[in-house]
Amino acid sequence: MSGYKLLYKKPVAKEIQRLPKQIQKRLKLKLEWFISQTDPLQFAEPLTKPADAQYRFRVGNYRILFDVESQNIVILHIQHRKDVYRK
């Protein structure tokens, strides 16, 4: 167990609700898997351009953008890869 906890920012709930149920289930399972690993950040990619988030997880065609605060992984956005990096 990694010791990390998942926290979600408010907009993430709406983003998740807009997704198909099958994708919601897949994202949930993958997030649980990431968090169960000894070092979940080994599966994350650091973002290079200045952005809202420091890291991303890839789950199929979806991206989970997040920051790390202490032992918390704070989920900022979950969106399709074609939309997630647009501002």
PDB file of N, CA and C in Angstrom:
ATOM      1  N   MET A   1       0.844  -1.187   0.000  1.00  0.00           N
ATOM      2  CA  MET A   1       0.000   0.000   0.000  1.00  0.00           C
ATOM      3  C   MET A   1       0.880   1.237   0.000  1.00  0.00           C
ATOM      4  N   SER A   2       0.487   2.249  -0.745  1.00  0.00           N
ATOM      5  CA  SER A   2       1.325   3.422  -0.942  1.00  0.00           C
ATOM      6  C   SER A   2       1.216   4.440   0.180  1.00  0.00           C
ATOM      7  N   GLY A   3       0.101   4.520   0.841  1.00  0.00           N
ATOM      8  CA  GLY A   3      -0.085   5.550   1.844  1.00  0.00           C
ATOM      9  C   GLY A   3      -0.682   6.822   1.263  1.00  0.00           C
ATOM     10  N   TYR A   4      -0.844   6.884  -0.052  1.00  0.00           N
ATOM     11  CA  TYR A   4      -1.473   8.036  -0.689  1.00  0.00           C
ATOM     12  C   TYR A   4      -2.986   7.915  -0.590  1.00  0.00           C
ATOM     13  N   LYS A   5      -3.645   9.074  -0.521  1.00  0.00           N
ATOM     14  CA  LYS A   5      -5.108   9.122  -0.532  1.00  0.00           C
ATOM     15  C   LYS A   5      -5.544   9.932  -1.738  1.00  0.00           C
ATOM     16  N   LEU A   6      -6.698   9.595  -2.286  1.00  0.00           N
ATOM     17  CA  LEU A   6      -7.260  10.345  -3.404  1.00  0.00           C
ATOM     18  C   LEU A   6      -8.199  11.422  -2.890  1.00  0.00           C
ATOM     19  N   LEU A   7      -8.036  12.614  -3.410  1.00  0.00           N
ATOM     20  CA  LEU A   7      -8.950  13.721  -3.155  1.00  0.00           C
ATOM     21  C   LEU A   7      -9.387  14.259  -4.505  1.00  0.00           C
ATOM     22  N   TYR A   8     -10.612  14.756  -4.585  1.00  0.00           N
ATOM     23  CA  TYR A   8     -11.146  15.257  -5.842  1.00  0.00           C
ATOM     24  C   TYR A   8     -11.550  16.716  -5.689  1.00  0.00           C
ATOM     25  N   LYS A   9     -11.199  17.544  -6.663  1.00  0.00           N
ATOM     26  CA  LYS A   9     -11.696  18.916  -6.705  1.00  0.00           C
ATOM     27  C   LYS A   9     -13.147  18.888  -7.190  1.00  0.00           C
ATOM     28  N   LYS A  10     -13.911  19.930  -6.875  1.00  0.00           N
ATOM     29  CA  LYS A  10     -15.344  19.959  -7.195  1.00  0.00           C
ATOM     30  C   LYS A  10     -15.676  19.714  -8.673  1.00  0.00           C
ATOM     31  N   PRO A  11     -14.980  20.340  -9.627  1.00  0.00           N
ATOM     32  CA  PRO A  11     -15.372  20.139 -11.037  1.00  0.00           C
ATOM     33  C   PRO A  11     -15.232  18.697 -11.517  1.00  0.00           C
ATOM     34  N   VAL A  12     -14.438  17.904 -10.846  1.00  0.00           N
ATOM     35  CA  VAL A  12     -14.197  16.526 -11.282  1.00  0.00           C
ATOM     36  C   VAL A  12     -15.477  15.692 -11.218  1.00  0.00           C
ATOM     37  N   ALA A  13     -16.303  15.903 -10.232  1.00  0.00           N
ATOM     38  CA  ALA A  13     -17.556  15.138 -10.113  1.00  0.00           C
ATOM     39  C   ALA A  13     -18.427  15.331 -11.353  1.00  0.00           C
ATOM     40  N   LYS A  14     -18.539  16.563 -11.836  1.00  0.00           N
ATOM     41  CA  LYS A  14     -19.332  16.832 -13.036  1.00  0.00           C
ATOM     42  C   LYS A  14     -18.684  16.207 -14.269  1.00  0.00           C
ATOM     43  N   GLU A  15     -17.354  16.289 -14.337  1.00  0.00           N
ATOM     44  CA  GLU A  15     -16.650  15.692 -15.478  1.00  0.00           C
ATOM     45  C   GLU A  15     -16.894  14.183 -15.526  1.00  0.00           C
ATOM     46  N   ILE A  16     -16.866  13.548 -14.370  1.00  0.00           N
ATOM     47  CA  ILE A  16     -17.075  12.098 -14.307  1.00  0.00           C
ATOM     48  C   ILE A  16     -18.514  11.744 -14.688  1.00  0.00           C
ATOM     49  N   GLN A  17     -19.488  12.514 -14.209  1.00  0.00           N
ATOM     50  CA  GLN A  17     -20.901  12.232 -14.503  1.00  0.00           C
ATOM     51  C   GLN A  17     -21.201  12.317 -15.993  1.00  0.00           C
ATOM     52  N   ARG A  18     -20.467  13.148 -16.710  1.00  0.00           N
ATOM     53  CA  ARG A  18     -20.693  13.312 -18.151  1.00  0.00           C
ATOM     54  C   ARG A  18     -20.160  12.134 -18.971  1.00  0.00           C
ATOM     55  N   LEU A  19     -19.335  11.310 -18.374  1.00  0.00           N
ATOM     56  CA  LEU A  19     -18.715  10.196 -19.091  1.00  0.00           C
ATOM     57  C   LEU A  19     -19.646   8.988 -19.134  1.00  0.00           C
ATOM     58  N   PRO A  20     -19.485   8.140 -20.152  1.00  0.00           N
ATOM     59  CA  PRO A  20     -20.270   6.894 -20.193  1.00  0.00           C
ATOM     60  C   PRO A  20     -19.966   6.028 -18.970  1.00  0.00           C
ATOM     61  N   LYS A  21     -20.967   5.267 -18.524  1.00  0.00           N
ATOM     62  CA  LYS A  21     -20.823   4.432 -17.316  1.00  0.00           C
ATOM     63  C   LYS A  21     -19.637   3.475 -17.422  1.00  0.00           C
ATOM     64  N   GLN A  22     -19.421   2.914 -18.590  1.00  0.00           N
ATOM     65  CA  GLN A  22     -18.315   1.975 -18.782  1.00  0.00           C
ATOM     66  C   GLN A  22     -16.964   2.665 -18.536  1.00  0.00           C
ATOM     67  N   ILE A  23     -16.827   3.894 -19.008  1.00  0.00           N
ATOM     68  CA  ILE A  23     -15.591   4.660 -18.808  1.00  0.00           C
ATOM     69  C   ILE A  23     -15.448   5.023 -17.334  1.00  0.00           C
ATOM     70  N   GLN A  24     -16.553   5.408 -16.689  1.00  0.00           N
ATOM     71  CA  GLN A  24     -16.505   5.727 -15.257  1.00  0.00           C
ATOM     72  C   GLN A  24     -15.969   4.544 -14.456  1.00  0.00           C
ATOM     73  N   LYS A  25     -16.468   3.363 -14.766  1.00  0.00           N
ATOM     74  CA  LYS A  25     -16.042   2.161 -14.052  1.00  0.00           C
ATOM     75  C   LYS A  25     -14.560   1.885 -14.296  1.00  0.00           C
ATOM     76  N   ARG A  26     -14.136   2.022 -15.544  1.00  0.00           N
ATOM     77  CA  ARG A  26     -12.726   1.786 -15.886  1.00  0.00           C
ATOM     78  C   ARG A  26     -11.805   2.766 -15.168  1.00  0.00           C
ATOM     79  N   LEU A  27     -12.193   4.039 -15.137  1.00  0.00           N
ATOM     80  CA  LEU A  27     -11.395   5.054 -14.447  1.00  0.00           C
ATOM     81  C   LEU A  27     -11.305   4.756 -12.952  1.00  0.00           C
ATOM     82  N   LYS A  28     -12.430   4.368 -12.356  1.00  0.00           N
ATOM     83  CA  LYS A  28     -12.445   4.057 -10.921  1.00  0.00           C
ATOM     84  C   LYS A  28     -11.504   2.897 -10.602  1.00  0.00           C
ATOM     85  N   LEU A  29     -11.599   1.827 -11.388  1.00  0.00           N
ATOM     86  CA  LEU A  29     -10.732   0.667 -11.163  1.00  0.00           C
ATOM     87  C   LEU A  29      -9.260   1.028 -11.328  1.00  0.00           C
ATOM     88  N   LYS A  30      -8.957   1.831 -12.339  1.00  0.00           N
ATOM     89  CA  LYS A  30      -7.564   2.199 -12.592  1.00  0.00           C
ATOM     90  C   LYS A  30      -7.032   3.110 -11.490  1.00  0.00           C
ATOM     91  N   LEU A  31      -7.835   4.050 -11.021  1.00  0.00           N
ATOM     92  CA  LEU A  31      -7.400   4.910  -9.918  1.00  0.00           C
ATOM     93  C   LEU A  31      -7.149   4.090  -8.656  1.00  0.00           C
ATOM     94  N   GLU A  32      -8.030   3.134  -8.382  1.00  0.00           N
ATOM     95  CA  GLU A  32      -7.820   2.263  -7.220  1.00  0.00           C
ATOM     96  C   GLU A  32      -6.531   1.462  -7.371  1.00  0.00           C
ATOM     97  N   TRP A  33      -6.251   1.015  -8.594  1.00  0.00           N
ATOM     98  CA  TRP A  33      -5.023   0.266  -8.835  1.00  0.00           C
ATOM     99  C   TRP A  33      -3.794   1.153  -8.636  1.00  0.00           C
ATOM    100  N   PHE A  34      -3.830   2.371  -9.210  1.00  0.00           N
ATOM    101  CA  PHE A  34      -2.698   3.299  -9.045  1.00  0.00           C
ATOM    102  C   PHE A  34      -2.409   3.523  -7.565  1.00  0.00           C
ATOM    103  N   ILE A  35      -3.451   3.809  -6.803  1.00  0.00           N
ATOM    104  CA  ILE A  35      -3.289   4.173  -5.398  1.00  0.00           C
ATOM    105  C   ILE A  35      -2.834   2.982  -4.557  1.00  0.00           C
ATOM    106  N   SER A  36      -3.083   1.767  -5.024  1.00  0.00           N
ATOM    107  CA  SER A  36      -2.672   0.579  -4.271  1.00  0.00           C
ATOM    108  C   SER A  36      -1.197   0.234  -4.472  1.00  0.00           C
ATOM    109  N   GLN A  37      -0.557   0.869  -5.430  1.00  0.00           N
ATOM    110  CA  GLN A  37       0.848   0.583  -5.714  1.00  0.00           C
ATOM    111  C   GLN A  37       1.756   1.252  -4.683  1.00  0.00           C
ATOM    112  N   THR A  38       2.937   0.691  -4.503  1.00  0.00           N
ATOM    113  CA  THR A  38       3.896   1.246  -3.549  1.00  0.00           C
ATOM    114  C   THR A  38       4.256   2.683  -3.900  1.00  0.00           C
ATOM    115  N   ASP A  39       4.497   2.942  -5.187  1.00  0.00           N
ATOM    116  CA  ASP A  39       4.823   4.289  -5.652  1.00  0.00           C
ATOM    117  C   ASP A  39       3.964   4.610  -6.872  1.00  0.00           C
ATOM    118  N   PRO A  40       2.764   5.151  -6.670  1.00  0.00           N
ATOM    119  CA  PRO A  40       1.880   5.403  -7.812  1.00  0.00           C
ATOM    120  C   PRO A  40       2.447   6.423  -8.798  1.00  0.00           C
ATOM    121  N   LEU A  41       3.371   7.262  -8.352  1.00  0.00           N
ATOM    122  CA  LEU A  41       3.924   8.275  -9.249  1.00  0.00           C
ATOM    123  C   LEU A  41       4.813   7.670 -10.328  1.00  0.00           C
ATOM    124  N   GLN A  42       5.232   6.427 -10.159  1.00  0.00           N
ATOM    125  CA  GLN A  42       6.027   5.795 -11.209  1.00  0.00           C
ATOM    126  C   GLN A  42       5.199   5.573 -12.475  1.00  0.00           C
ATOM    127  N   PHE A  43       3.882   5.601 -12.362  1.00  0.00           N
ATOM    128  CA  PHE A  43       2.993   5.427 -13.506  1.00  0.00           C
ATOM    129  C   PHE A  43       2.495   6.767 -14.045  1.00  0.00           C
ATOM    130  N   ALA A  44       2.918   7.851 -13.440  1.00  0.00           N
ATOM    131  CA  ALA A  44       2.476   9.187 -13.838  1.00  0.00           C
ATOM    132  C   ALA A  44       3.509   9.827 -14.755  1.00  0.00           C
ATOM    133  N   GLU A  45       3.024  10.689 -15.619  1.00  0.00           N
ATOM    134  CA  GLU A  45       3.900  11.485 -16.470  1.00  0.00           C
ATOM    135  C   GLU A  45       3.875  12.911 -15.949  1.00  0.00           C
ATOM    136  N   PRO A  46       5.050  13.506 -15.723  1.00  0.00           N
ATOM    137  CA  PRO A  46       5.049  14.915 -15.326  1.00  0.00           C
ATOM    138  C   PRO A  46       4.654  15.778 -16.525  1.00  0.00           C
ATOM    139  N   LEU A  47       3.905  16.819 -16.275  1.00  0.00           N
ATOM    140  CA  LEU A  47       3.515  17.737 -17.343  1.00  0.00           C
ATOM    141  C   LEU A  47       4.620  18.762 -17.527  1.00  0.00           C
ATOM    142  N   THR A  48       4.974  19.033 -18.778  1.00  0.00           N
ATOM    143  CA  THR A  48       6.108  19.912 -19.054  1.00  0.00           C
ATOM    144  C   THR A  48       5.711  21.376 -19.174  1.00  0.00           C
ATOM    145  N   LYS A  49       4.574  21.638 -19.798  1.00  0.00           N
ATOM    146  CA  LYS A  49       4.140  23.030 -19.948  1.00  0.00           C
ATOM    147  C   LYS A  49       3.479  23.494 -18.659  1.00  0.00           C
ATOM    148  N   PRO A  50       3.573  24.786 -18.370  1.00  0.00           N
ATOM    149  CA  PRO A  50       2.851  25.279 -17.184  1.00  0.00           C
ATOM    150  C   PRO A  50       1.363  24.960 -17.334  1.00  0.00           C
ATOM    151  N   ALA A  51       0.852  24.299 -16.348  1.00  0.00           N
ATOM    152  CA  ALA A  51      -0.553  23.878 -16.398  1.00  0.00           C
ATOM    153  C   ALA A  51      -1.135  23.929 -14.998  1.00  0.00           C
ATOM    154  N   ASP A  52      -2.419  23.601 -14.912  1.00  0.00           N
ATOM    155  CA  ASP A  52      -3.082  23.544 -13.614  1.00  0.00           C
ATOM    156  C   ASP A  52      -2.527  22.409 -12.765  1.00  0.00           C
ATOM    157  N   ALA A  53      -2.048  21.365 -13.429  1.00  0.00           N
ATOM    158  CA  ALA A  53      -1.625  20.154 -12.722  1.00  0.00           C
ATOM    159  C   ALA A  53      -0.140  19.877 -12.934  1.00  0.00           C
ATOM    160  N   GLN A  54       0.426  19.061 -12.058  1.00  0.00           N
ATOM    161  CA  GLN A  54       1.829  18.673 -12.161  1.00  0.00           C
ATOM    162  C   GLN A  54       2.012  17.369 -12.924  1.00  0.00           C
ATOM    163  N   TYR A  55       1.035  16.458 -12.826  1.00  0.00           N
ATOM    164  CA  TYR A  55       1.173  15.114 -13.385  1.00  0.00           C
ATOM    165  C   TYR A  55      -0.098  14.678 -14.090  1.00  0.00           C
ATOM    166  N   ARG A  56       0.048  13.556 -14.835  1.00  0.00           N
ATOM    167  CA  ARG A  56      -1.126  12.935 -15.449  1.00  0.00           C
ATOM    168  C   ARG A  56      -0.986  11.425 -15.414  1.00  0.00           C
ATOM    169  N   PHE A  57      -2.129  10.762 -15.277  1.00  0.00           N
ATOM    170  CA  PHE A  57      -2.238   9.327 -15.493  1.00  0.00           C
ATOM    171  C   PHE A  57      -2.957   9.155 -16.825  1.00  0.00           C
ATOM    172  N   ARG A  58      -2.604   8.121 -17.558  1.00  0.00           N
ATOM    173  CA  ARG A  58      -3.292   7.800 -18.806  1.00  0.00           C
ATOM    174  C   ARG A  58      -4.139   6.559 -18.578  1.00  0.00           C
ATOM    175  N   VAL A  59      -5.417   6.656 -18.943  1.00  0.00           N
ATOM    176  CA  VAL A  59      -6.332   5.517 -18.869  1.00  0.00           C
ATOM    177  C   VAL A  59      -7.038   5.463 -20.221  1.00  0.00           C
ATOM    178  N   GLY A  60      -6.507   4.675 -21.134  1.00  0.00           N
ATOM    179  CA  GLY A  60      -7.051   4.617 -22.486  1.00  0.00           C
ATOM    180  C   GLY A  60      -6.945   5.977 -23.147  1.00  0.00           C
ATOM    181  N   ASN A  61      -8.062   6.486 -23.649  1.00  0.00           N
ATOM    182  CA  ASN A  61      -8.086   7.799 -24.294  1.00  0.00           C
ATOM    183  C   ASN A  61      -8.379   8.934 -23.323  1.00  0.00           C
ATOM    184  N   TYR A  62      -8.399   8.632 -22.042  1.00  0.00           N
ATOM    185  CA  TYR A  62      -8.696   9.642 -21.030  1.00  0.00           C
ATOM    186  C   TYR A  62      -7.448   9.974 -20.232  1.00  0.00           C
ATOM    187  N   ARG A  63      -7.410  11.201 -19.730  1.00  0.00           N
ATOM    188  CA  ARG A  63      -6.288  11.662 -18.926  1.00  0.00           C
ATOM    189  C   ARG A  63      -6.810  12.140 -17.583  1.00  0.00           C
ATOM    190  N   ILE A  64      -6.072  11.780 -16.547  1.00  0.00           N
ATOM    191  CA  ILE A  64      -6.388  12.204 -15.187  1.00  0.00           C
ATOM    192  C   ILE A  64      -5.276  13.150 -14.773  1.00  0.00           C
ATOM    193  N   LEU A  65      -5.593  14.436 -14.667  1.00  0.00           N
ATOM    194  CA  LEU A  65      -4.603  15.432 -14.264  1.00  0.00           C
ATOM    195  C   LEU A  65      -4.673  15.609 -12.762  1.00  0.00           C
ATOM    196  N   PHE A  66      -3.500  15.662 -12.128  1.00  0.00           N
ATOM    197  CA  PHE A  66      -3.492  15.743 -10.673  1.00  0.00           C
ATOM    198  C   PHE A  66      -2.242  16.422 -10.146  1.00  0.00           C
ATOM    199  N   ASP A  67      -2.318  16.833  -8.903  1.00  0.00           N
ATOM    200  CA  ASP A  67      -1.197  17.360  -8.131  1.00  0.00           C
ATOM    201  C   ASP A  67      -0.967  16.438  -6.954  1.00  0.00           C
ATOM    202  N   VAL A  68       0.224  16.536  -6.389  1.00  0.00           N
ATOM    203  CA  VAL A  68       0.536  15.786  -5.175  1.00  0.00           C
ATOM    204  C   VAL A  68       0.754  16.797  -4.062  1.00  0.00           C
ATOM    205  N   GLU A  69      -0.026  16.662  -3.004  1.00  0.00           N
ATOM    206  CA  GLU A  69       0.097  17.521  -1.828  1.00  0.00           C
ATOM    207  C   GLU A  69       0.298  16.607  -0.632  1.00  0.00           C
ATOM    208  N   SER A  70       1.497  16.614  -0.102  1.00  0.00           N
ATOM    209  CA  SER A  70       1.838  15.737   1.012  1.00  0.00           C
ATOM    210  C   SER A  70       1.612  14.293   0.573  1.00  0.00           C
ATOM    211  N   GLN A  71       0.764  13.549   1.229  1.00  0.00           N
ATOM    212  CA  GLN A  71       0.462  12.163   0.858  1.00  0.00           C
ATOM    213  C   GLN A  71      -0.892  12.057   0.157  1.00  0.00           C
ATOM    214  N   ASN A  72      -1.333  13.156  -0.436  1.00  0.00           N
ATOM    215  CA  ASN A  72      -2.613  13.183  -1.137  1.00  0.00           C
ATOM    216  C   ASN A  72      -2.401  13.379  -2.628  1.00  0.00           C
ATOM    217  N   ILE A  73      -3.104  12.598  -3.412  1.00  0.00           N
ATOM    218  CA  ILE A  73      -3.161  12.819  -4.854  1.00  0.00           C
ATOM    219  C   ILE A  73      -4.473  13.550  -5.100  1.00  0.00           C
ATOM    220  N   VAL A  74      -4.362  14.805  -5.539  1.00  0.00           N
ATOM    221  CA  VAL A  74      -5.533  15.662  -5.725  1.00  0.00           C
ATOM    222  C   VAL A  74      -5.902  15.663  -7.209  1.00  0.00           C
ATOM    223  N   ILE A  75      -7.017  15.033  -7.535  1.00  0.00           N
ATOM    224  CA  ILE A  75      -7.483  14.931  -8.914  1.00  0.00           C
ATOM    225  C   ILE A  75      -8.111  16.267  -9.306  1.00  0.00           C
ATOM    226  N   LEU A  76      -7.579  16.865 -10.392  1.00  0.00           N
ATOM    227  CA  LEU A  76      -8.053  18.173 -10.836  1.00  0.00           C
ATOM    228  C   LEU A  76      -8.988  18.083 -12.039  1.00  0.00           C
ATOM    229  N   HIS A  77      -8.694  17.163 -12.961  1.00  0.00           N
ATOM    230  CA  HIS A  77      -9.515  17.009 -14.168  1.00  0.00           C
ATOM    231  C   HIS A  77      -9.457  15.570 -14.645  1.00  0.00           C
ATOM    232  N   ILE A  78     -10.563  15.106 -15.203  1.00  0.00           N
ATOM    233  CA  ILE A  78     -10.616  13.826 -15.905  1.00  0.00           C
ATOM    234  C   ILE A  78     -11.377  14.092 -17.195  1.00  0.00           C
ATOM    235  N   GLN A  79     -10.656  14.030 -18.324  1.00  0.00           N
ATOM    236  CA  GLN A  79     -11.274  14.332 -19.607  1.00  0.00           C
ATOM    237  C   GLN A  79     -10.628  13.510 -20.714  1.00  0.00           C
ATOM    238  N   HIS A  80     -11.282  13.514 -21.872  1.00  0.00           N
ATOM    239  CA  HIS A  80     -10.737  12.856 -23.053  1.00  0.00           C
ATOM    240  C   HIS A  80      -9.443  13.557 -23.456  1.00  0.00           C
ATOM    241  N   ARG A  81      -8.521  12.809 -24.028  1.00  0.00           N
ATOM    242  CA  ARG A  81      -7.206  13.361 -24.343  1.00  0.00           C
ATOM    243  C   ARG A  81      -7.260  14.525 -25.323  1.00  0.00           C
ATOM    244  N   LYS A  82      -8.264  14.561 -26.201  1.00  0.00           N
ATOM    245  CA  LYS A  82      -8.350  15.659 -27.166  1.00  0.00           C
ATOM    246  C   LYS A  82      -8.795  16.968 -26.516  1.00  0.00           C
ATOM    247  N   ASP A  83      -9.401  16.888 -25.350  1.00  0.00           N
ATOM    248  CA  ASP A  83      -9.935  18.081 -24.693  1.00  0.00           C
ATOM    249  C   ASP A  83      -9.155  18.529 -23.464  1.00  0.00           C
ATOM    250  N   VAL A  84      -8.467  17.640 -22.815  1.00  0.00           N
ATOM    251  CA  VAL A  84      -7.963  17.907 -21.470  1.00  0.00           C
ATOM    252  C   VAL A  84      -6.894  18.998 -21.418  1.00  0.00           C
ATOM    253  N   TYR A  85      -6.087  19.146 -22.455  1.00  0.00           N
ATOM    254  CA  TYR A  85      -4.996  20.116 -22.399  1.00  0.00           C
ATOM    255  C   TYR A  85      -5.383  21.480 -22.955  1.00  0.00           C
ATOM    256  N   ARG A  86      -6.589  21.606 -23.498  1.00  0.00           N
ATOM    257  CA  ARG A  86      -7.044  22.888 -24.054  1.00  0.00           C
ATOM    258  C   ARG A  86      -7.464  23.821 -22.942  1.00  0.00           C
ATOM    259  N   LYS A  87      -7.233  25.093 -23.168  1.00  0.00           N
ATOM    260  CA  LYS A  87      -7.660  26.095 -22.188  1.00  0.00           C
ATOM    261  C   LYS A  87      -8.623  27.045 -22.820  1.00  0.00           C
TER     262      LYS A  87
END
